[in-house]
Protein backbone atom coordinates (compact mmCIF):
# COMPACT_ATOMS: atom_id res chain seq x y z
CA MET A 1 2.42 -8.20 50.51
CA SER A 2 -1.27 -8.84 50.84
CA MET A 3 -3.64 -8.57 48.55
CA TYR A 4 -5.57 -5.33 50.03
CA PRO A 5 -5.05 -2.05 49.10
CA LYS A 6 -3.66 -0.28 52.36
CA THR A 7 -6.15 1.67 52.60
CA THR A 8 -9.37 -0.41 53.59
CA LEU A 9 -10.13 -2.13 56.70
CA ILE A 10 -10.62 -5.42 55.55
CA TRP A 11 -6.77 -4.98 54.79
CA ILE A 12 -6.31 -3.84 58.50
CA LEU A 13 -8.41 -7.24 59.95
CA HIS A 14 -6.24 -9.54 57.44
CA TYR A 15 -3.52 -7.34 58.93
CA ILE A 16 -4.17 -7.57 62.48
CA THR A 17 -5.32 -11.54 62.51
CA ASN A 18 -2.72 -12.93 60.56
CA CYS A 19 0.99 -11.04 62.00
CA PHE A 20 -0.34 -10.99 65.34
CA CYS A 21 -2.87 -13.95 66.00
CA SER A 22 -5.11 -11.85 67.54
CA PHE A 23 -9.16 -11.48 67.26
CA PHE A 24 -11.57 -8.16 67.48
CA ASP A 25 -14.14 -8.69 70.53
CA ILE A 26 -15.96 -6.30 68.46
CA ILE A 27 -16.26 -4.94 64.44
CA ILE A 28 -17.64 -2.10 63.29
CA GLY A 29 -17.80 -1.43 59.43
CA ASN A 30 -19.78 -0.67 56.40
CA PRO A 31 -18.71 -3.35 53.49
CA PRO A 32 -18.04 -2.20 50.42
CA TYR A 33 -20.20 -3.07 47.49
CA VAL A 34 -18.24 -3.82 44.33
CA LEU A 35 -18.71 -6.58 42.26
CA LEU A 36 -14.73 -7.91 41.61
CA GLN A 37 -16.25 -9.91 38.00
CA GLY A 38 -16.21 -8.61 34.20
CA LYS A 39 -14.66 -5.44 33.98
CA ASN A 40 -13.15 -5.07 37.37
CA LYS A 41 -11.49 -8.38 36.38
CA SER A 42 -8.31 -8.37 38.77
CA PRO A 43 -4.94 -10.94 39.77
CA ARG A 44 -6.54 -11.43 42.74
CA LEU A 45 -9.63 -13.36 41.91
CA ASP A 46 -7.42 -16.46 42.18
CA TYR A 47 -6.20 -15.61 45.51
CA PHE A 48 -9.72 -14.43 46.65
CA LYS A 49 -11.40 -18.18 45.20
CA ARG A 50 -8.67 -20.04 47.35
CA PHE A 51 -8.80 -18.74 50.56
CA TYR A 52 -12.41 -17.86 51.03
CA THR A 53 -15.58 -19.87 51.07
CA VAL A 54 -18.21 -17.13 49.50
CA ALA A 55 -15.88 -16.23 46.04
CA LYS A 56 -17.29 -19.63 44.24
CA TYR A 57 -19.81 -17.60 42.09
CA LYS A 58 -19.49 -13.77 41.72
CA ILE A 59 -16.84 -12.26 44.20
CA ASP A 60 -18.18 -9.16 45.70
CA LEU A 61 -16.05 -7.16 48.17
CA TYR A 62 -19.18 -6.98 50.20
CA HIS A 63 -19.06 -11.09 50.94
CA LEU A 64 -15.73 -11.36 51.83
CA PHE A 65 -15.57 -8.90 53.93
CA ILE A 66 -18.02 -10.40 55.95
CA GLU A 67 -16.42 -13.68 55.75
CA LYS A 68 -13.23 -11.69 56.49
CA SER A 69 -14.61 -10.30 59.48
CA ILE A 70 -16.40 -13.12 60.80
CA LYS A 71 -13.29 -15.22 60.68
CA SER A 72 -11.38 -12.39 62.65
CA LEU A 73 -14.39 -12.00 65.83
CA ALA A 74 -13.18 -13.57 69.38
CA LYS A 75 -14.44 -15.91 70.77
CA HIS A 76 -17.61 -14.20 72.08
CA GLY A 77 -17.31 -11.19 69.43
CA ILE A 78 -20.19 -9.08 68.23
CA CYS A 79 -19.89 -7.84 64.71
CA THR A 80 -22.09 -5.18 63.25
CA LEU A 81 -22.31 -4.30 59.40
């Protein structure tokens, strides 16, 4: 089971890149700005800390979205966020 809500673009990127080993030529999106610290604590924080380089200090969905988008690009892909 994925750690992402199934309605988000980050879940779609996660699903396609991990299940089909596919990468994208272009990614266009609008990253969410949601801080996952403090009152927004979530059991997903440990997952994010283990699998995302940017999840070290303050975990924000914006940073996770950017990292996943870059990792999901094909060799000469374009990321426009």
